[in-house]
Amino acid sequence: MLWRRERALLKLLLCEEDLLNSILAGKEHFIIPLRKQYNLITSAEMDILFINIEEVGYVHEKHVQHLRQLTQGTEDNVGRLYQKQVRIKDYKFKFL
């Protein structure tokens, strides 16, 4: 039974790492180049297109770090980890 938990946790970690890598790639390939070319897009358009993506990346990076710690330990705090993320999300992010 323990191996199922470990397997599920590793699958979750891989999925979350893929999402984090996609966020970082989007930032590297789209946000940073668009900021360098001032005449291509306005700052208001940048805000509309990429609202909160840097904050999402930061929070998600912390989330992946916590998941990595859980995969290395014996504690079963995955549920608590998501509860913390929900609390952070409610206070930190802006919604459209």
PDB file of N, CA and C in Angstrom:
ATOM      1  N   MET A   1       0.820  -1.202   0.000  1.00  0.00           N
ATOM      2  CA  MET A   1       0.000   0.000   0.000  1.00  0.00           C
ATOM      3  C   MET A   1       0.864   1.266   0.000  1.00  0.00           C
ATOM      4  N   LEU A   2       1.986   1.206   0.685  1.00  0.00           N
ATOM      5  CA  LEU A   2       2.869   2.363   0.747  1.00  0.00           C
ATOM      6  C   LEU A   2       3.457   2.691  -0.624  1.00  0.00           C
ATOM      7  N   TRP A   3       3.735   1.667  -1.423  1.00  0.00           N
ATOM      8  CA  TRP A   3       4.298   1.908  -2.750  1.00  0.00           C
ATOM      9  C   TRP A   3       3.312   2.643  -3.644  1.00  0.00           C
ATOM     10  N   ARG A   4       1.997   2.442  -3.432  1.00  0.00           N
ATOM     11  CA  ARG A   4       0.998   3.174  -4.227  1.00  0.00           C
ATOM     12  C   ARG A   4       1.024   4.659  -3.900  1.00  0.00           C
ATOM     13  N   ARG A   5       1.172   4.948  -2.619  1.00  0.00           N
ATOM     14  CA  ARG A   5       1.249   6.338  -2.195  1.00  0.00           C
ATOM     15  C   ARG A   5       2.483   6.997  -2.795  1.00  0.00           C
ATOM     16  N   GLU A   6       3.619   6.309  -2.718  1.00  0.00           N
ATOM     17  CA  GLU A   6       4.854   6.853  -3.264  1.00  0.00           C
ATOM     18  C   GLU A   6       4.758   7.044  -4.777  1.00  0.00           C
ATOM     19  N   ARG A   7       4.159   6.081  -5.438  1.00  0.00           N
ATOM     20  CA  ARG A   7       4.000   6.172  -6.893  1.00  0.00           C
ATOM     21  C   ARG A   7       3.088   7.339  -7.263  1.00  0.00           C
ATOM     22  N   ALA A   8       1.998   7.488  -6.558  1.00  0.00           N
ATOM     23  CA  ALA A   8       1.073   8.597  -6.825  1.00  0.00           C
ATOM     24  C   ALA A   8       1.737   9.937  -6.540  1.00  0.00           C
ATOM     25  N   LEU A   9       2.504   9.999  -5.468  1.00  0.00           N
ATOM     26  CA  LEU A   9       3.191  11.235  -5.120  1.00  0.00           C
ATOM     27  C   LEU A   9       4.243  11.591  -6.161  1.00  0.00           C
ATOM     28  N   LEU A  10       4.953  10.602  -6.671  1.00  0.00           N
ATOM     29  CA  LEU A  10       5.935  10.857  -7.724  1.00  0.00           C
ATOM     30  C   LEU A  10       5.274  11.305  -9.021  1.00  0.00           C
ATOM     31  N   LYS A  11       4.142  10.706  -9.358  1.00  0.00           N
ATOM     32  CA  LYS A  11       3.401  11.142 -10.550  1.00  0.00           C
ATOM     33  C   LYS A  11       2.937  12.588 -10.398  1.00  0.00           C
ATOM     34  N   LEU A  12       2.446  12.919  -9.208  1.00  0.00           N
ATOM     35  CA  LEU A  12       2.016  14.281  -8.927  1.00  0.00           C
ATOM     36  C   LEU A  12       3.192  15.237  -9.039  1.00  0.00           C
ATOM     37  N   LEU A  13       4.323  14.853  -8.482  1.00  0.00           N
ATOM     38  CA  LEU A  13       5.507  15.697  -8.545  1.00  0.00           C
ATOM     39  C   LEU A  13       5.943  15.922  -9.986  1.00  0.00           C
ATOM     40  N   LEU A  14       5.954  14.878 -10.793  1.00  0.00           N
ATOM     41  CA  LEU A  14       6.336  15.025 -12.202  1.00  0.00           C
ATOM     42  C   LEU A  14       5.387  15.951 -12.953  1.00  0.00           C
ATOM     43  N   CYS A  15       4.108  15.821 -12.679  1.00  0.00           N
ATOM     44  CA  CYS A  15       3.112  16.678 -13.325  1.00  0.00           C
ATOM     45  C   CYS A  15       3.314  18.142 -12.920  1.00  0.00           C
ATOM     46  N   GLU A  16       3.530  18.361 -11.637  1.00  0.00           N
ATOM     47  CA  GLU A  16       3.731  19.724 -11.139  1.00  0.00           C
ATOM     48  C   GLU A  16       5.046  20.310 -11.659  1.00  0.00           C
ATOM     49  N   GLU A  17       6.084  19.485 -11.781  1.00  0.00           N
ATOM     50  CA  GLU A  17       7.347  19.970 -12.347  1.00  0.00           C
ATOM     51  C   GLU A  17       7.182  20.342 -13.812  1.00  0.00           C
ATOM     52  N   ASP A  18       6.402  19.565 -14.554  1.00  0.00           N
ATOM     53  CA  ASP A  18       6.123  19.900 -15.955  1.00  0.00           C
ATOM     54  C   ASP A  18       5.423  21.250 -16.069  1.00  0.00           C
ATOM     55  N   LEU A  19       4.449  21.480 -15.200  1.00  0.00           N
ATOM     56  CA  LEU A  19       3.750  22.766 -15.205  1.00  0.00           C
ATOM     57  C   LEU A  19       4.702  23.901 -14.870  1.00  0.00           C
ATOM     58  N   LEU A  20       5.550  23.699 -13.874  1.00  0.00           N
ATOM     59  CA  LEU A  20       6.516  24.736 -13.508  1.00  0.00           C
ATOM     60  C   LEU A  20       7.469  25.021 -14.664  1.00  0.00           C
ATOM     61  N   ASN A  21       7.939  23.976 -15.330  1.00  0.00           N
ATOM     62  CA  ASN A  21       8.825  24.173 -16.479  1.00  0.00           C
ATOM     63  C   ASN A  21       8.123  24.928 -17.601  1.00  0.00           C
ATOM     64  N   SER A  22       6.844  24.680 -17.797  1.00  0.00           N
ATOM     65  CA  SER A  22       6.077  25.408 -18.817  1.00  0.00           C
ATOM     66  C   SER A  22       5.938  26.883 -18.454  1.00  0.00           C
ATOM     67  N   ILE A  23       5.705  27.157 -17.193  1.00  0.00           N
ATOM     68  CA  ILE A  23       5.597  28.549 -16.739  1.00  0.00           C
ATOM     69  C   ILE A  23       6.931  29.268 -16.945  1.00  0.00           C
ATOM     70  N   LEU A  24       8.012  28.616 -16.549  1.00  0.00           N
ATOM     71  CA  LEU A  24       9.333  29.232 -16.700  1.00  0.00           C
ATOM     72  C   LEU A  24       9.696  29.422 -18.177  1.00  0.00           C
ATOM     73  N   ALA A  25       9.354  28.460 -19.021  1.00  0.00           N
ATOM     74  CA  ALA A  25       9.623  28.595 -20.453  1.00  0.00           C
ATOM     75  C   ALA A  25       8.801  29.726 -21.056  1.00  0.00           C
ATOM     76  N   GLY A  26       7.557  29.845 -20.648  1.00  0.00           N
ATOM     77  CA  GLY A  26       6.718  30.946 -21.124  1.00  0.00           C
ATOM     78  C   GLY A  26       7.285  32.294 -20.741  1.00  0.00           C
ATOM     79  N   LYS A  27       7.783  32.364 -19.520  1.00  0.00           N
ATOM     80  CA  LYS A  27       8.396  33.615 -19.067  1.00  0.00           C
ATOM     81  C   LYS A  27       9.644  33.929 -19.888  1.00  0.00           C
ATOM     82  N   GLU A  28      10.464  32.903 -20.102  1.00  0.00           N
ATOM     83  CA  GLU A  28      11.717  33.099 -20.833  1.00  0.00           C
ATOM     84  C   GLU A  28      11.493  33.432 -22.305  1.00  0.00           C
ATOM     85  N   HIS A  29      10.520  32.787 -22.939  1.00  0.00           N
ATOM     86  CA  HIS A  29      10.338  32.938 -24.379  1.00  0.00           C
ATOM     87  C   HIS A  29       9.342  34.027 -24.773  1.00  0.00           C
ATOM     88  N   PHE A  30       8.490  34.453 -23.848  1.00  0.00           N
ATOM     89  CA  PHE A  30       7.479  35.444 -24.203  1.00  0.00           C
ATOM     90  C   PHE A  30       7.567  36.720 -23.372  1.00  0.00           C
ATOM     91  N   ILE A  31       7.520  36.589 -22.059  1.00  0.00           N
ATOM     92  CA  ILE A  31       7.442  37.777 -21.209  1.00  0.00           C
ATOM     93  C   ILE A  31       8.711  38.612 -21.291  1.00  0.00           C
ATOM     94  N   ILE A  32       9.852  37.994 -21.100  1.00  0.00           N
ATOM     95  CA  ILE A  32      11.114  38.743 -21.106  1.00  0.00           C
ATOM     96  C   ILE A  32      11.374  39.397 -22.466  1.00  0.00           C
ATOM     97  N   PRO A  33      11.244  38.680 -23.584  1.00  0.00           N
ATOM     98  CA  PRO A  33      11.458  39.362 -24.884  1.00  0.00           C
ATOM     99  C   PRO A  33      10.461  40.489 -25.145  1.00  0.00           C
ATOM    100  N   LEU A  34       9.203  40.308 -24.739  1.00  0.00           N
ATOM    101  CA  LEU A  34       8.218  41.374 -24.968  1.00  0.00           C
ATOM    102  C   LEU A  34       8.518  42.608 -24.133  1.00  0.00           C
ATOM    103  N   ARG A  35       9.074  42.426 -22.941  1.00  0.00           N
ATOM    104  CA  ARG A  35       9.441  43.582 -22.118  1.00  0.00           C
ATOM    105  C   ARG A  35      10.608  44.353 -22.727  1.00  0.00           C
ATOM    106  N   LYS A  36      11.488  43.649 -23.416  1.00  0.00           N
ATOM    107  CA  LYS A  36      12.647  44.311 -24.021  1.00  0.00           C
ATOM    108  C   LYS A  36      12.264  45.131 -25.240  1.00  0.00           C
ATOM    109  N   GLN A  37      11.210  44.742 -25.939  1.00  0.00           N
ATOM    110  CA  GLN A  37      10.778  45.467 -27.139  1.00  0.00           C
ATOM    111  C   GLN A  37       9.582  46.350 -26.777  1.00  0.00           C
ATOM    112  N   TYR A  38       9.877  47.567 -26.393  1.00  0.00           N
ATOM    113  CA  TYR A  38       8.849  48.482 -25.890  1.00  0.00           C
ATOM    114  C   TYR A  38       7.807  48.869 -26.937  1.00  0.00           C
ATOM    115  N   ASN A  39       8.186  48.904 -28.196  1.00  0.00           N
ATOM    116  CA  ASN A  39       7.254  49.351 -29.229  1.00  0.00           C
ATOM    117  C   ASN A  39       6.323  48.243 -29.713  1.00  0.00           C
ATOM    118  N   LEU A  40       6.532  47.025 -29.302  1.00  0.00           N
ATOM    119  CA  LEU A  40       5.730  45.906 -29.775  1.00  0.00           C
ATOM    120  C   LEU A  40       4.420  45.761 -28.997  1.00  0.00           C
ATOM    121  N   ILE A  41       4.477  45.977 -27.695  1.00  0.00           N
ATOM    122  CA  ILE A  41       3.297  45.776 -26.851  1.00  0.00           C
ATOM    123  C   ILE A  41       3.359  46.755 -25.685  1.00  0.00           C
ATOM    124  N   THR A  42       2.220  47.287 -25.294  1.00  0.00           N
ATOM    125  CA  THR A  42       2.185  48.247 -24.192  1.00  0.00           C
ATOM    126  C   THR A  42       2.198  47.514 -22.852  1.00  0.00           C
ATOM    127  N   SER A  43       2.491  48.252 -21.797  1.00  0.00           N
ATOM    128  CA  SER A  43       2.508  47.632 -20.463  1.00  0.00           C
ATOM    129  C   SER A  43       1.099  47.208 -20.038  1.00  0.00           C
ATOM    130  N   ALA A  44       0.091  47.937 -20.485  1.00  0.00           N
ATOM    131  CA  ALA A  44      -1.287  47.541 -20.171  1.00  0.00           C
ATOM    132  C   ALA A  44      -1.641  46.218 -20.848  1.00  0.00           C
ATOM    133  N   GLU A  45      -1.190  46.057 -22.093  1.00  0.00           N
ATOM    134  CA  GLU A  45      -1.424  44.789 -22.789  1.00  0.00           C
ATOM    135  C   GLU A  45      -0.660  43.646 -22.141  1.00  0.00           C
ATOM    136  N   MET A  46       0.552  43.930 -21.655  1.00  0.00           N
ATOM    137  CA  MET A  46       1.327  42.912 -20.922  1.00  0.00           C
ATOM    138  C   MET A  46       0.568  42.460 -19.685  1.00  0.00           C
ATOM    139  N   ASP A  47      -0.012  43.426 -18.976  1.00  0.00           N
ATOM    140  CA  ASP A  47      -0.775  43.084 -17.771  1.00  0.00           C
ATOM    141  C   ASP A  47      -1.983  42.213 -18.102  1.00  0.00           C
ATOM    142  N   ILE A  48      -2.638  42.520 -19.203  1.00  0.00           N
ATOM    143  CA  ILE A  48      -3.810  41.734 -19.602  1.00  0.00           C
ATOM    144  C   ILE A  48      -3.400  40.318 -20.008  1.00  0.00           C
ATOM    145  N   LEU A  49      -2.336  40.211 -20.783  1.00  0.00           N
ATOM    146  CA  LEU A  49      -1.911  38.902 -21.285  1.00  0.00           C
ATOM    147  C   LEU A  49      -1.311  38.006 -20.202  1.00  0.00           C
ATOM    148  N   PHE A  50      -0.514  38.594 -19.326  1.00  0.00           N
ATOM    149  CA  PHE A  50       0.263  37.791 -18.392  1.00  0.00           C
ATOM    150  C   PHE A  50      -0.024  38.137 -16.934  1.00  0.00           C
ATOM    151  N   ILE A  51      -1.265  38.455 -16.625  1.00  0.00           N
ATOM    152  CA  ILE A  51      -1.621  38.828 -15.267  1.00  0.00           C
ATOM    153  C   ILE A  51      -1.271  37.690 -14.299  1.00  0.00           C
ATOM    154  N   ASN A  52      -0.513  37.982 -13.300  1.00  0.00           N
ATOM    155  CA  ASN A  52      -0.161  37.076 -12.202  1.00  0.00           C
ATOM    156  C   ASN A  52       0.731  35.898 -12.567  1.00  0.00           C
ATOM    157  N   ILE A  53       1.201  35.772 -13.780  1.00  0.00           N
ATOM    158  CA  ILE A  53       1.957  34.563 -14.139  1.00  0.00           C
ATOM    159  C   ILE A  53       3.261  34.474 -13.352  1.00  0.00           C
ATOM    160  N   GLU A  54       3.893  35.602 -13.054  1.00  0.00           N
ATOM    161  CA  GLU A  54       5.130  35.553 -12.275  1.00  0.00           C
ATOM    162  C   GLU A  54       4.845  35.148 -10.827  1.00  0.00           C
ATOM    163  N   GLU A  55       3.740  35.626 -10.280  1.00  0.00           N
ATOM    164  CA  GLU A  55       3.356  35.216  -8.925  1.00  0.00           C
ATOM    165  C   GLU A  55       2.975  33.744  -8.885  1.00  0.00           C
ATOM    166  N   VAL A  56       2.275  33.300  -9.930  1.00  0.00           N
ATOM    167  CA  VAL A  56       1.905  31.884 -10.025  1.00  0.00           C
ATOM    168  C   VAL A  56       3.168  31.029 -10.089  1.00  0.00           C
ATOM    169  N   GLY A  57       4.143  31.468 -10.874  1.00  0.00           N
ATOM    170  CA  GLY A  57       5.403  30.740 -10.971  1.00  0.00           C
ATOM    171  C   GLY A  57       6.126  30.660  -9.639  1.00  0.00           C
ATOM    172  N   TYR A  58       6.151  31.771  -8.907  1.00  0.00           N
ATOM    173  CA  TYR A  58       6.811  31.798  -7.599  1.00  0.00           C
ATOM    174  C   TYR A  58       6.122  30.850  -6.618  1.00  0.00           C
ATOM    175  N   VAL A  59       4.816  30.936  -6.525  1.00  0.00           N
ATOM    176  CA  VAL A  59       4.062  30.073  -5.603  1.00  0.00           C
ATOM    177  C   VAL A  59       4.191  28.617  -6.024  1.00  0.00           C
ATOM    178  N   HIS A  60       4.153  28.368  -7.317  1.00  0.00           N
ATOM    179  CA  HIS A  60       4.251  26.990  -7.804  1.00  0.00           C
ATOM    180  C   HIS A  60       5.648  26.409  -7.561  1.00  0.00           C
ATOM    181  N   GLU A  61       6.664  27.244  -7.653  1.00  0.00           N
ATOM    182  CA  GLU A  61       8.019  26.786  -7.361  1.00  0.00           C
ATOM    183  C   GLU A  61       8.134  26.347  -5.905  1.00  0.00           C
ATOM    184  N   LYS A  62       7.558  27.106  -5.001  1.00  0.00           N
ATOM    185  CA  LYS A  62       7.536  26.720  -3.576  1.00  0.00           C
ATOM    186  C   LYS A  62       6.767  25.422  -3.394  1.00  0.00           C
ATOM    187  N   HIS A  63       5.672  25.292  -4.108  1.00  0.00           N
ATOM    188  CA  HIS A  63       4.838  24.093  -4.031  1.00  0.00           C
ATOM    189  C   HIS A  63       5.628  22.856  -4.465  1.00  0.00           C
ATOM    190  N   VAL A  64       6.366  22.963  -5.549  1.00  0.00           N
ATOM    191  CA  VAL A  64       7.171  21.841  -6.044  1.00  0.00           C
ATOM    192  C   VAL A  64       8.267  21.499  -5.037  1.00  0.00           C
ATOM    193  N   GLN A  65       8.863  22.505  -4.420  1.00  0.00           N
ATOM    194  CA  GLN A  65       9.878  22.242  -3.397  1.00  0.00           C
ATOM    195  C   GLN A  65       9.287  21.440  -2.238  1.00  0.00           C
ATOM    196  N   HIS A  66       8.093  21.808  -1.808  1.00  0.00           N
ATOM    197  CA  HIS A  66       7.434  21.073  -0.713  1.00  0.00           C
ATOM    198  C   HIS A  66       7.101  19.642  -1.142  1.00  0.00           C
ATOM    199  N   LEU A  67       6.653  19.470  -2.362  1.00  0.00           N
ATOM    200  CA  LEU A  67       6.369  18.120  -2.851  1.00  0.00           C
ATOM    201  C   LEU A  67       7.636  17.274  -2.896  1.00  0.00           C
ATOM    202  N   ARG A  68       8.746  17.872  -3.306  1.00  0.00           N
ATOM    203  CA  ARG A  68      10.018  17.136  -3.315  1.00  0.00           C
ATOM    204  C   ARG A  68      10.385  16.685  -1.908  1.00  0.00           C
ATOM    205  N   GLN A  69      10.160  17.553  -0.938  1.00  0.00           N
ATOM    206  CA  GLN A  69      10.447  17.182   0.449  1.00  0.00           C
ATOM    207  C   GLN A  69       9.555  16.031   0.902  1.00  0.00           C
ATOM    208  N   LEU A  70       8.301  16.058   0.478  1.00  0.00           N
ATOM    209  CA  LEU A  70       7.384  14.982   0.856  1.00  0.00           C
ATOM    210  C   LEU A  70       7.785  13.646   0.239  1.00  0.00           C
ATOM    211  N   THR A  71       8.325  13.677  -0.975  1.00  0.00           N
ATOM    212  CA  THR A  71       8.724  12.420  -1.610  1.00  0.00           C
ATOM    213  C   THR A  71       9.950  11.821  -0.931  1.00  0.00           C
ATOM    214  N   GLN A  72      10.728  12.660  -0.275  1.00  0.00           N
ATOM    215  CA  GLN A  72      11.926  12.163   0.397  1.00  0.00           C
ATOM    216  C   GLN A  72      11.659  11.755   1.842  1.00  0.00           C
ATOM    217  N   GLY A  73      10.572  12.215   2.410  1.00  0.00           N
ATOM    218  CA  GLY A  73      10.270  11.914   3.804  1.00  0.00           C
ATOM    219  C   GLY A  73       9.224  10.824   3.942  1.00  0.00           C
ATOM    220  N   THR A  74       8.845  10.569   5.188  1.00  0.00           N
ATOM    221  CA  THR A  74       7.834   9.547   5.467  1.00  0.00           C
ATOM    222  C   THR A  74       6.521  10.168   5.925  1.00  0.00           C
ATOM    223  N   GLU A  75       6.469  11.483   5.998  1.00  0.00           N
ATOM    224  CA  GLU A  75       5.248  12.141   6.452  1.00  0.00           C
ATOM    225  C   GLU A  75       4.171  12.085   5.380  1.00  0.00           C
ATOM    226  N   ASP A  76       2.930  12.129   5.814  1.00  0.00           N
ATOM    227  CA  ASP A  76       1.795  12.091   4.887  1.00  0.00           C
ATOM    228  C   ASP A  76       1.031  13.400   4.993  1.00  0.00           C
ATOM    229  N   ASN A  77       1.646  14.459   4.502  1.00  0.00           N
ATOM    230  CA  ASN A  77       1.065  15.795   4.630  1.00  0.00           C
ATOM    231  C   ASN A  77       0.667  16.398   3.289  1.00  0.00           C
ATOM    232  N   VAL A  78       0.382  15.594   2.309  1.00  0.00           N
ATOM    233  CA  VAL A  78       0.026  16.114   0.989  1.00  0.00           C
ATOM    234  C   VAL A  78      -1.237  16.964   1.085  1.00  0.00           C
ATOM    235  N   GLY A  79      -2.214  16.505   1.826  1.00  0.00           N
ATOM    236  CA  GLY A  79      -3.451  17.266   1.997  1.00  0.00           C
ATOM    237  C   GLY A  79      -3.210  18.607   2.641  1.00  0.00           C
ATOM    238  N   ARG A  80      -2.367  18.632   3.649  1.00  0.00           N
ATOM    239  CA  ARG A  80      -2.049  19.910   4.311  1.00  0.00           C
ATOM    240  C   ARG A  80      -1.318  20.855   3.377  1.00  0.00           C
ATOM    241  N   LEU A  81      -0.469  20.303   2.523  1.00  0.00           N
ATOM    242  CA  LEU A  81       0.248  21.123   1.555  1.00  0.00           C
ATOM    243  C   LEU A  81      -0.738  21.854   0.651  1.00  0.00           C
ATOM    244  N   TYR A  82      -1.767  21.163   0.172  1.00  0.00           N
ATOM    245  CA  TYR A  82      -2.758  21.802  -0.692  1.00  0.00           C
ATOM    246  C   TYR A  82      -3.637  22.777   0.080  1.00  0.00           C
ATOM    247  N   GLN A  83      -3.897  22.509   1.341  1.00  0.00           N
ATOM    248  CA  GLN A  83      -4.658  23.460   2.143  1.00  0.00           C
ATOM    249  C   GLN A  83      -3.894  24.774   2.270  1.00  0.00           C
ATOM    250  N   LYS A  84      -2.582  24.699   2.478  1.00  0.00           N
ATOM    251  CA  LYS A  84      -1.769  25.910   2.561  1.00  0.00           C
ATOM    252  C   LYS A  84      -1.815  26.682   1.253  1.00  0.00           C
ATOM    253  N   GLN A  85      -1.744  25.971   0.131  1.00  0.00           N
ATOM    254  CA  GLN A  85      -1.769  26.629  -1.173  1.00  0.00           C
ATOM    255  C   GLN A  85      -3.092  27.352  -1.403  1.00  0.00           C
ATOM    256  N   VAL A  86      -4.177  26.759  -0.981  1.00  0.00           N
ATOM    257  CA  VAL A  86      -5.488  27.396  -1.149  1.00  0.00           C
ATOM    258  C   VAL A  86      -5.551  28.670  -0.322  1.00  0.00           C
ATOM    259  N   ARG A  87      -5.044  28.648   0.893  1.00  0.00           N
ATOM    260  CA  ARG A  87      -5.043  29.847   1.730  1.00  0.00           C
ATOM    261  C   ARG A  87      -4.190  30.940   1.119  1.00  0.00           C
ATOM    262  N   ILE A  88      -3.014  30.576   0.602  1.00  0.00           N
ATOM    263  CA  ILE A  88      -2.143  31.567  -0.036  1.00  0.00           C
ATOM    264  C   ILE A  88      -2.832  32.161  -1.250  1.00  0.00           C
ATOM    265  N   LYS A  89      -3.450  31.330  -2.053  1.00  0.00           N
ATOM    266  CA  LYS A  89      -4.095  31.775  -3.295  1.00  0.00           C
ATOM    267  C   LYS A  89      -5.178  32.804  -2.997  1.00  0.00           C
ATOM    268  N   ASP A  90      -5.984  32.567  -1.964  1.00  0.00           N
ATOM    269  CA  ASP A  90      -7.105  33.451  -1.669  1.00  0.00           C
ATOM    270  C   ASP A  90      -6.628  34.868  -1.345  1.00  0.00           C
ATOM    271  N   TYR A  91      -5.474  34.998  -0.732  1.00  0.00           N
ATOM    272  CA  TYR A  91      -5.007  36.306  -0.310  1.00  0.00           C
ATOM    273  C   TYR A  91      -4.031  36.950  -1.280  1.00  0.00           C
ATOM    274  N   LYS A  92      -3.304  36.175  -2.040  1.00  0.00           N
ATOM    275  CA  LYS A  92      -2.213  36.721  -2.817  1.00  0.00           C
ATOM    276  C   LYS A  92      -2.591  37.127  -4.245  1.00  0.00           C
ATOM    277  N   PHE A  93      -3.456  36.399  -4.885  1.00  0.00           N
ATOM    278  CA  PHE A  93      -3.680  36.609  -6.305  1.00  0.00           C
ATOM    279  C   PHE A  93      -4.843  37.555  -6.586  1.00  0.00           C
ATOM    280  N   LYS A  94      -4.723  38.224  -7.731  1.00  0.00           N
ATOM    281  CA  LYS A  94      -5.822  39.027  -8.256  1.00  0.00           C
ATOM    282  C   LYS A  94      -6.586  38.165  -9.252  1.00  0.00           C
ATOM    283  N   PHE A  95      -7.866  38.311  -9.303  1.00  0.00           N
ATOM    284  CA  PHE A  95      -8.668  37.562 -10.256  1.00  0.00           C
ATOM    285  C   PHE A  95      -9.355  38.510 -11.202  1.00  0.00           C
ATOM    286  N   LEU A  96      -9.552  38.048 -12.441  1.00  0.00           N
ATOM    287  CA  LEU A  96     -10.251  38.870 -13.433  1.00  0.00           C
ATOM    288  C   LEU A  96     -11.720  38.952 -13.130  1.00  0.00           C
TER     289      LEU A  96
END
